Each structure stands twice: as C-alpha cells, then as structure tokens.
Amino acid sequence: MDYGKNFTNKRSNNESSADRKRLLMSRQIVMENEKEDINKMADAFINNFRKQLKIERANSLRRFHDMINRGAE
C-alpha cells in the first residue's frame, strides 16, 4: 500500500475544496458589486424618467395656457 499517495490525494482534495470556497466567495463579491451597479443604473433610469415627466407636464401646461390665451384674444 502506498500511504503517501492517499495522503497527497486527501491534501489535494482539501486544497481544491479551499480553492472552490475562495472562488465561490469571489463570485459572491462580484455578484454583490453587480447588484449595486444594477441598483445604481435603475435609480438613474427612474430619476431620468421623473425628470422627463416633469418636462412633459410643463410643456403640456404651457401649450394649454397658449391655447387658452389664443381663445381669449
């Protein structure tokens, strides 16, 4: 029996297990960073959409006032 070989295999399994854990942890960190980026992009989109709605409301109100003023003249 070759006891050294069995010890080496167990050690490499432990090392590969540690490597897998490190890889999973790094993936989780990347996923969290991606979530933050997605949240920032979503917030920017929502803020831009709200600004566009305000601009559209202001334009609509201006057109309404212009229409009313034309009728009053």
PDB file of N, CA and C in Angstrom:
ATOM      1  N   MET A   1       0.823  -1.187   0.000  1.00  0.00           N
ATOM      2  CA  MET A   1       0.000   0.000   0.000  1.00  0.00           C
ATOM      3  C   MET A   1       0.863   1.245   0.000  1.00  0.00           C
ATOM      4  N   ASP A   2       0.430   2.246  -0.733  1.00  0.00           N
ATOM      5  CA  ASP A   2       1.183   3.493  -0.814  1.00  0.00           C
ATOM      6  C   ASP A   2       0.447   4.562  -0.002  1.00  0.00           C
ATOM      7  N   TYR A   3       0.869   4.732   1.249  1.00  0.00           N
ATOM      8  CA  TYR A   3       0.195   5.679   2.134  1.00  0.00           C
ATOM      9  C   TYR A   3       0.444   7.126   1.725  1.00  0.00           C
ATOM     10  N   GLY A   4       1.595   7.386   1.163  1.00  0.00           N
ATOM     11  CA  GLY A   4       1.914   8.748   0.726  1.00  0.00           C
ATOM     12  C   GLY A   4       0.964   9.233  -0.352  1.00  0.00           C
ATOM     13  N   LYS A   5       0.573   8.328  -1.239  1.00  0.00           N
ATOM     14  CA  LYS A   5      -0.336   8.691  -2.327  1.00  0.00           C
ATOM     15  C   LYS A   5      -1.705   9.081  -1.766  1.00  0.00           C
ATOM     16  N   ASN A   6      -2.209   8.306  -0.812  1.00  0.00           N
ATOM     17  CA  ASN A   6      -3.500   8.624  -0.208  1.00  0.00           C
ATOM     18  C   ASN A   6      -3.459   9.957   0.515  1.00  0.00           C
ATOM     19  N   PHE A   7      -2.376  10.230   1.207  1.00  0.00           N
ATOM     20  CA  PHE A   7      -2.233  11.497   1.911  1.00  0.00           C
ATOM     21  C   PHE A   7      -2.219  12.653   0.921  1.00  0.00           C
ATOM     22  N   THR A   8      -1.505  12.469  -0.187  1.00  0.00           N
ATOM     23  CA  THR A   8      -1.430  13.509  -1.206  1.00  0.00           C
ATOM     24  C   THR A   8      -2.803  13.774  -1.805  1.00  0.00           C
ATOM     25  N   ASN A   9      -3.563  12.733  -2.081  1.00  0.00           N
ATOM     26  CA  ASN A   9      -4.904  12.912  -2.641  1.00  0.00           C
ATOM     27  C   ASN A   9      -5.816  13.647  -1.674  1.00  0.00           C
ATOM     28  N   LYS A  10      -5.748  13.288  -0.391  1.00  0.00           N
ATOM     29  CA  LYS A  10      -6.563  13.986   0.599  1.00  0.00           C
ATOM     30  C   LYS A  10      -6.164  15.445   0.680  1.00  0.00           C
ATOM     31  N   ARG A  11      -4.878  15.689   0.621  1.00  0.00           N
ATOM     32  CA  ARG A  11      -4.403  17.068   0.707  1.00  0.00           C
ATOM     33  C   ARG A  11      -4.861  17.863  -0.517  1.00  0.00           C
ATOM     34  N   SER A  12      -4.759  17.273  -1.695  1.00  0.00           N
ATOM     35  CA  SER A  12      -5.180  17.985  -2.902  1.00  0.00           C
ATOM     36  C   SER A  12      -6.689  18.199  -2.897  1.00  0.00           C
ATOM     37  N   ASN A  13      -7.443  17.252  -2.330  1.00  0.00           N
ATOM     38  CA  ASN A  13      -8.886  17.448  -2.216  1.00  0.00           C
ATOM     39  C   ASN A  13      -9.201  18.608  -1.289  1.00  0.00           C
ATOM     40  N   ASN A  14      -8.462  18.696  -0.176  1.00  0.00           N
ATOM     41  CA  ASN A  14      -8.662  19.810   0.740  1.00  0.00           C
ATOM     42  C   ASN A  14      -8.291  21.130   0.076  1.00  0.00           C
ATOM     43  N   GLU A  15      -7.191  21.116  -0.682  1.00  0.00           N
ATOM     44  CA  GLU A  15      -6.777  22.338  -1.363  1.00  0.00           C
ATOM     45  C   GLU A  15      -7.792  22.732  -2.425  1.00  0.00           C
ATOM     46  N   SER A  16      -8.287  21.747  -3.173  1.00  0.00           N
ATOM     47  CA  SER A  16      -9.274  22.070  -4.202  1.00  0.00           C
ATOM     48  C   SER A  16     -10.569  22.546  -3.557  1.00  0.00           C
ATOM     49  N   SER A  17     -10.894  22.006  -2.394  1.00  0.00           N
ATOM     50  CA  SER A  17     -12.072  22.467  -1.666  1.00  0.00           C
ATOM     51  C   SER A  17     -11.883  23.918  -1.230  1.00  0.00           C
ATOM     52  N   ALA A  18     -10.699  24.239  -0.744  1.00  0.00           N
ATOM     53  CA  ALA A  18     -10.408  25.617  -0.344  1.00  0.00           C
ATOM     54  C   ALA A  18     -10.436  26.538  -1.557  1.00  0.00           C
ATOM     55  N   ASP A  19      -9.910  26.055  -2.686  1.00  0.00           N
ATOM     56  CA  ASP A  19      -9.952  26.851  -3.918  1.00  0.00           C
ATOM     57  C   ASP A  19     -11.390  27.099  -4.349  1.00  0.00           C
ATOM     58  N   ARG A  20     -12.216  26.071  -4.239  1.00  0.00           N
ATOM     59  CA  ARG A  20     -13.630  26.227  -4.604  1.00  0.00           C
ATOM     60  C   ARG A  20     -14.313  27.241  -3.699  1.00  0.00           C
ATOM     61  N   LYS A  21     -14.005  27.172  -2.401  1.00  0.00           N
ATOM     62  CA  LYS A  21     -14.600  28.130  -1.466  1.00  0.00           C
ATOM     63  C   LYS A  21     -14.169  29.548  -1.801  1.00  0.00           C
ATOM     64  N   ARG A  22     -12.870  29.727  -2.111  1.00  0.00           N
ATOM     65  CA  ARG A  22     -12.371  31.052  -2.495  1.00  0.00           C
ATOM     66  C   ARG A  22     -13.064  31.547  -3.758  1.00  0.00           C
ATOM     67  N   LEU A  23     -13.230  30.661  -4.715  1.00  0.00           N
ATOM     68  CA  LEU A  23     -13.879  31.017  -5.974  1.00  0.00           C
ATOM     69  C   LEU A  23     -15.328  31.425  -5.731  1.00  0.00           C
ATOM     70  N   LEU A  24     -16.027  30.657  -4.898  1.00  0.00           N
ATOM     71  CA  LEU A  24     -17.417  30.991  -4.590  1.00  0.00           C
ATOM     72  C   LEU A  24     -17.521  32.326  -3.877  1.00  0.00           C
ATOM     73  N   MET A  25     -16.609  32.583  -2.946  1.00  0.00           N
ATOM     74  CA  MET A  25     -16.614  33.861  -2.235  1.00  0.00           C
ATOM     75  C   MET A  25     -16.358  35.010  -3.193  1.00  0.00           C
ATOM     76  N   SER A  26     -15.420  34.829  -4.107  1.00  0.00           N
ATOM     77  CA  SER A  26     -15.133  35.900  -5.063  1.00  0.00           C
ATOM     78  C   SER A  26     -16.322  36.113  -5.988  1.00  0.00           C
ATOM     79  N   ARG A  27     -17.019  35.048  -6.343  1.00  0.00           N
ATOM     80  CA  ARG A  27     -18.221  35.182  -7.173  1.00  0.00           C
ATOM     81  C   ARG A  27     -19.304  35.942  -6.426  1.00  0.00           C
ATOM     82  N   GLN A  28     -19.449  35.657  -5.118  1.00  0.00           N
ATOM     83  CA  GLN A  28     -20.457  36.360  -4.330  1.00  0.00           C
ATOM     84  C   GLN A  28     -20.134  37.840  -4.266  1.00  0.00           C
ATOM     85  N   ILE A  29     -18.867  38.180  -4.112  1.00  0.00           N
ATOM     86  CA  ILE A  29     -18.470  39.585  -4.065  1.00  0.00           C
ATOM     87  C   ILE A  29     -18.774  40.253  -5.393  1.00  0.00           C
ATOM     88  N   VAL A  30     -18.468  39.582  -6.483  1.00  0.00           N
ATOM     89  CA  VAL A  30     -18.762  40.130  -7.811  1.00  0.00           C
ATOM     90  C   VAL A  30     -20.263  40.308  -7.979  1.00  0.00           C
ATOM     91  N   MET A  31     -21.042  39.327  -7.552  1.00  0.00           N
ATOM     92  CA  MET A  31     -22.494  39.423  -7.670  1.00  0.00           C
ATOM     93  C   MET A  31     -23.020  40.605  -6.866  1.00  0.00           C
ATOM     94  N   GLU A  32     -22.480  40.825  -5.666  1.00  0.00           N
ATOM     95  CA  GLU A  32     -22.910  41.955  -4.860  1.00  0.00           C
ATOM     96  C   GLU A  32     -22.558  43.260  -5.553  1.00  0.00           C
ATOM     97  N   ASN A  33     -21.368  43.343  -6.146  1.00  0.00           N
ATOM     98  CA  ASN A  33     -20.983  44.545  -6.869  1.00  0.00           C
ATOM     99  C   ASN A  33     -21.890  44.763  -8.070  1.00  0.00           C
ATOM    100  N   GLU A  34     -22.237  43.679  -8.766  1.00  0.00           N
ATOM    101  CA  GLU A  34     -23.138  43.797  -9.908  1.00  0.00           C
ATOM    102  C   GLU A  34     -24.514  44.254  -9.455  1.00  0.00           C
ATOM    103  N   LYS A  35     -24.977  43.768  -8.314  1.00  0.00           N
ATOM    104  CA  LYS A  35     -26.272  44.199  -7.789  1.00  0.00           C
ATOM    105  C   LYS A  35     -26.246  45.687  -7.492  1.00  0.00           C
ATOM    106  N   GLU A  36     -25.144  46.171  -6.896  1.00  0.00           N
ATOM    107  CA  GLU A  36     -25.021  47.596  -6.615  1.00  0.00           C
ATOM    108  C   GLU A  36     -25.043  48.394  -7.907  1.00  0.00           C
ATOM    109  N   ASP A  37     -24.335  47.910  -8.933  1.00  0.00           N
ATOM    110  CA  ASP A  37     -24.316  48.595 -10.222  1.00  0.00           C
ATOM    111  C   ASP A  37     -25.707  48.615 -10.840  1.00  0.00           C
ATOM    112  N   ILE A  38     -26.407  47.510 -10.763  1.00  0.00           N
ATOM    113  CA  ILE A  38     -27.758  47.440 -11.318  1.00  0.00           C
ATOM    114  C   ILE A  38     -28.674  48.387 -10.566  1.00  0.00           C
ATOM    115  N   ASN A  39     -28.540  48.440  -9.249  1.00  0.00           N
ATOM    116  CA  ASN A  39     -29.359  49.356  -8.458  1.00  0.00           C
ATOM    117  C   ASN A  39     -29.067  50.802  -8.823  1.00  0.00           C
ATOM    118  N   LYS A  40     -27.793  51.132  -9.024  1.00  0.00           N
ATOM    119  CA  LYS A  40     -27.440  52.497  -9.420  1.00  0.00           C
ATOM    120  C   LYS A  40     -28.020  52.830 -10.786  1.00  0.00           C
ATOM    121  N   MET A  41     -27.940  51.885 -11.706  1.00  0.00           N
ATOM    122  CA  MET A  41     -28.484  52.110 -13.043  1.00  0.00           C
ATOM    123  C   MET A  41     -30.007  52.266 -12.985  1.00  0.00           C
ATOM    124  N   ALA A  42     -30.658  51.470 -12.168  1.00  0.00           N
ATOM    125  CA  ALA A  42     -32.113  51.573 -12.026  1.00  0.00           C
ATOM    126  C   ALA A  42     -32.498  52.912 -11.415  1.00  0.00           C
ATOM    127  N   ASP A  43     -31.768  53.351 -10.397  1.00  0.00           N
ATOM    128  CA  ASP A  43     -32.039  54.656  -9.790  1.00  0.00           C
ATOM    129  C   ASP A  43     -31.849  55.782 -10.794  1.00  0.00           C
ATOM    130  N   ALA A  44     -30.798  55.715 -11.594  1.00  0.00           N
ATOM    131  CA  ALA A  44     -30.557  56.737 -12.613  1.00  0.00           C
ATOM    132  C   ALA A  44     -31.684  56.737 -13.641  1.00  0.00           C
ATOM    133  N   PHE A  45     -32.132  55.555 -14.049  1.00  0.00           N
ATOM    134  CA  PHE A  45     -33.231  55.453 -15.006  1.00  0.00           C
ATOM    135  C   PHE A  45     -34.504  56.070 -14.436  1.00  0.00           C
ATOM    136  N   ILE A  46     -34.818  55.746 -13.187  1.00  0.00           N
ATOM    137  CA  ILE A  46     -36.030  56.269 -12.548  1.00  0.00           C
ATOM    138  C   ILE A  46     -35.948  57.784 -12.420  1.00  0.00           C
ATOM    139  N   ASN A  47     -34.799  58.298 -11.986  1.00  0.00           N
ATOM    140  CA  ASN A  47     -34.642  59.746 -11.854  1.00  0.00           C
ATOM    141  C   ASN A  47     -34.783  60.440 -13.198  1.00  0.00           C
ATOM    142  N   ASN A  48     -34.189  59.878 -14.234  1.00  0.00           N
ATOM    143  CA  ASN A  48     -34.301  60.453 -15.573  1.00  0.00           C
ATOM    144  C   ASN A  48     -35.754  60.427 -16.047  1.00  0.00           C
ATOM    145  N   PHE A  49     -36.441  59.339 -15.784  1.00  0.00           N
ATOM    146  CA  PHE A  49     -37.842  59.220 -16.177  1.00  0.00           C
ATOM    147  C   PHE A  49     -38.683  60.280 -15.477  1.00  0.00           C
ATOM    148  N   ARG A  50     -38.457  60.492 -14.195  1.00  0.00           N
ATOM    149  CA  ARG A  50     -39.202  61.515 -13.450  1.00  0.00           C
ATOM    150  C   ARG A  50     -38.930  62.907 -14.000  1.00  0.00           C
ATOM    151  N   LYS A  51     -37.672  63.190 -14.343  1.00  0.00           N
ATOM    152  CA  LYS A  51     -37.342  64.488 -14.937  1.00  0.00           C
ATOM    153  C   LYS A  51     -38.071  64.671 -16.257  1.00  0.00           C
ATOM    154  N   GLN A  52     -38.100  63.624 -17.066  1.00  0.00           N
ATOM    155  CA  GLN A  52     -38.802  63.701 -18.349  1.00  0.00           C
ATOM    156  C   GLN A  52     -40.298  63.931 -18.143  1.00  0.00           C
ATOM    157  N   LEU A  53     -40.883  63.296 -17.141  1.00  0.00           N
ATOM    158  CA  LEU A  53     -42.299  63.527 -16.846  1.00  0.00           C
ATOM    159  C   LEU A  53     -42.546  64.972 -16.447  1.00  0.00           C
ATOM    160  N   LYS A  54     -41.666  65.541 -15.626  1.00  0.00           N
ATOM    161  CA  LYS A  54     -41.816  66.939 -15.222  1.00  0.00           C
ATOM    162  C   LYS A  54     -41.729  67.864 -16.429  1.00  0.00           C
ATOM    163  N   ILE A  55     -40.799  67.593 -17.325  1.00  0.00           N
ATOM    164  CA  ILE A  55     -40.648  68.404 -18.535  1.00  0.00           C
ATOM    165  C   ILE A  55     -41.903  68.294 -19.396  1.00  0.00           C
ATOM    166  N   GLU A  56     -42.413  67.090 -19.562  1.00  0.00           N
ATOM    167  CA  GLU A  56     -43.631  66.889 -20.357  1.00  0.00           C
ATOM    168  C   GLU A  56     -44.821  67.605 -19.730  1.00  0.00           C
ATOM    169  N   ARG A  57     -44.948  67.543 -18.405  1.00  0.00           N
ATOM    170  CA  ARG A  57     -46.040  68.248 -17.730  1.00  0.00           C
ATOM    171  C   ARG A  57     -45.927  69.745 -17.936  1.00  0.00           C
ATOM    172  N   ALA A  58     -44.710  70.280 -17.811  1.00  0.00           N
ATOM    173  CA  ALA A  58     -44.501  71.718 -18.005  1.00  0.00           C
ATOM    174  C   ALA A  58     -44.839  72.115 -19.439  1.00  0.00           C
ATOM    175  N   ASN A  59     -44.410  71.321 -20.419  1.00  0.00           N
ATOM    176  CA  ASN A  59     -44.728  71.614 -21.820  1.00  0.00           C
ATOM    177  C   ASN A  59     -46.233  71.538 -22.070  1.00  0.00           C
ATOM    178  N   SER A  60     -46.874  70.558 -21.499  1.00  0.00           N
ATOM    179  CA  SER A  60     -48.315  70.409 -21.661  1.00  0.00           C
ATOM    180  C   SER A  60     -49.050  71.599 -21.054  1.00  0.00           C
ATOM    181  N   LEU A  61     -48.638  72.011 -19.879  1.00  0.00           N
ATOM    182  CA  LEU A  61     -49.256  73.166 -19.220  1.00  0.00           C
ATOM    183  C   LEU A  61     -49.038  74.436 -20.039  1.00  0.00           C
ATOM    184  N   ARG A  62     -47.832  74.600 -20.592  1.00  0.00           N
ATOM    185  CA  ARG A  62     -47.536  75.776 -21.422  1.00  0.00           C
ATOM    186  C   ARG A  62     -48.419  75.773 -22.667  1.00  0.00           C
ATOM    187  N   ARG A  63     -48.557  74.622 -23.323  1.00  0.00           N
ATOM    188  CA  ARG A  63     -49.418  74.527 -24.506  1.00  0.00           C
ATOM    189  C   ARG A  63     -50.872  74.822 -24.148  1.00  0.00           C
ATOM    190  N   PHE A  64     -51.309  74.341 -22.997  1.00  0.00           N
ATOM    191  CA  PHE A  64     -52.672  74.604 -22.541  1.00  0.00           C
ATOM    192  C   PHE A  64     -52.891  76.097 -22.343  1.00  0.00           C
ATOM    193  N   HIS A  65     -51.935  76.761 -21.671  1.00  0.00           N
ATOM    194  CA  HIS A  65     -52.058  78.204 -21.450  1.00  0.00           C
ATOM    195  C   HIS A  65     -52.026  78.961 -22.777  1.00  0.00           C
ATOM    196  N   ASP A  66     -51.191  78.541 -23.700  1.00  0.00           N
ATOM    197  CA  ASP A  66     -51.144  79.174 -25.023  1.00  0.00           C
ATOM    198  C   ASP A  66     -52.490  79.026 -25.735  1.00  0.00           C
ATOM    199  N   MET A  67     -53.083  77.849 -25.632  1.00  0.00           N
ATOM    200  CA  MET A  67     -54.373  77.605 -26.267  1.00  0.00           C
ATOM    201  C   MET A  67     -55.457  78.483 -25.635  1.00  0.00           C
ATOM    202  N   ILE A  68     -55.470  78.588 -24.327  1.00  0.00           N
ATOM    203  CA  ILE A  68     -56.449  79.411 -23.612  1.00  0.00           C
ATOM    204  C   ILE A  68     -56.265  80.879 -23.985  1.00  0.00           C
ATOM    205  N   ASN A  69     -55.015  81.334 -24.035  1.00  0.00           N
ATOM    206  CA  ASN A  69     -54.746  82.737 -24.363  1.00  0.00           C
ATOM    207  C   ASN A  69     -55.161  83.059 -25.798  1.00  0.00           C
ATOM    208  N   ARG A  70     -55.017  82.150 -26.725  1.00  0.00           N
ATOM    209  CA  ARG A  70     -55.442  82.382 -28.110  1.00  0.00           C
ATOM    210  C   ARG A  70     -56.960  82.544 -28.186  1.00  0.00           C
ATOM    211  N   GLY A  71     -57.666  81.801 -27.381  1.00  0.00           N
ATOM    212  CA  GLY A  71     -59.129  81.887 -27.396  1.00  0.00           C
ATOM    213  C   GLY A  71     -59.633  83.155 -26.740  1.00  0.00           C
ATOM    214  N   ALA A  72     -58.880  83.708 -25.798  1.00  0.00           N
ATOM    215  CA  ALA A  72     -59.309  84.893 -25.057  1.00  0.00           C
ATOM    216  C   ALA A  72     -59.050  86.170 -25.841  1.00  0.00           C
ATOM    217  N   GLU A  73     -58.216  86.131 -26.851  1.00  0.00           N
ATOM    218  CA  GLU A  73     -57.872  87.349 -27.590  1.00  0.00           C
ATOM    219  C   GLU A  73     -58.912  87.762 -28.542  1.00  0.00           C
TER     220      GLU A  73
END
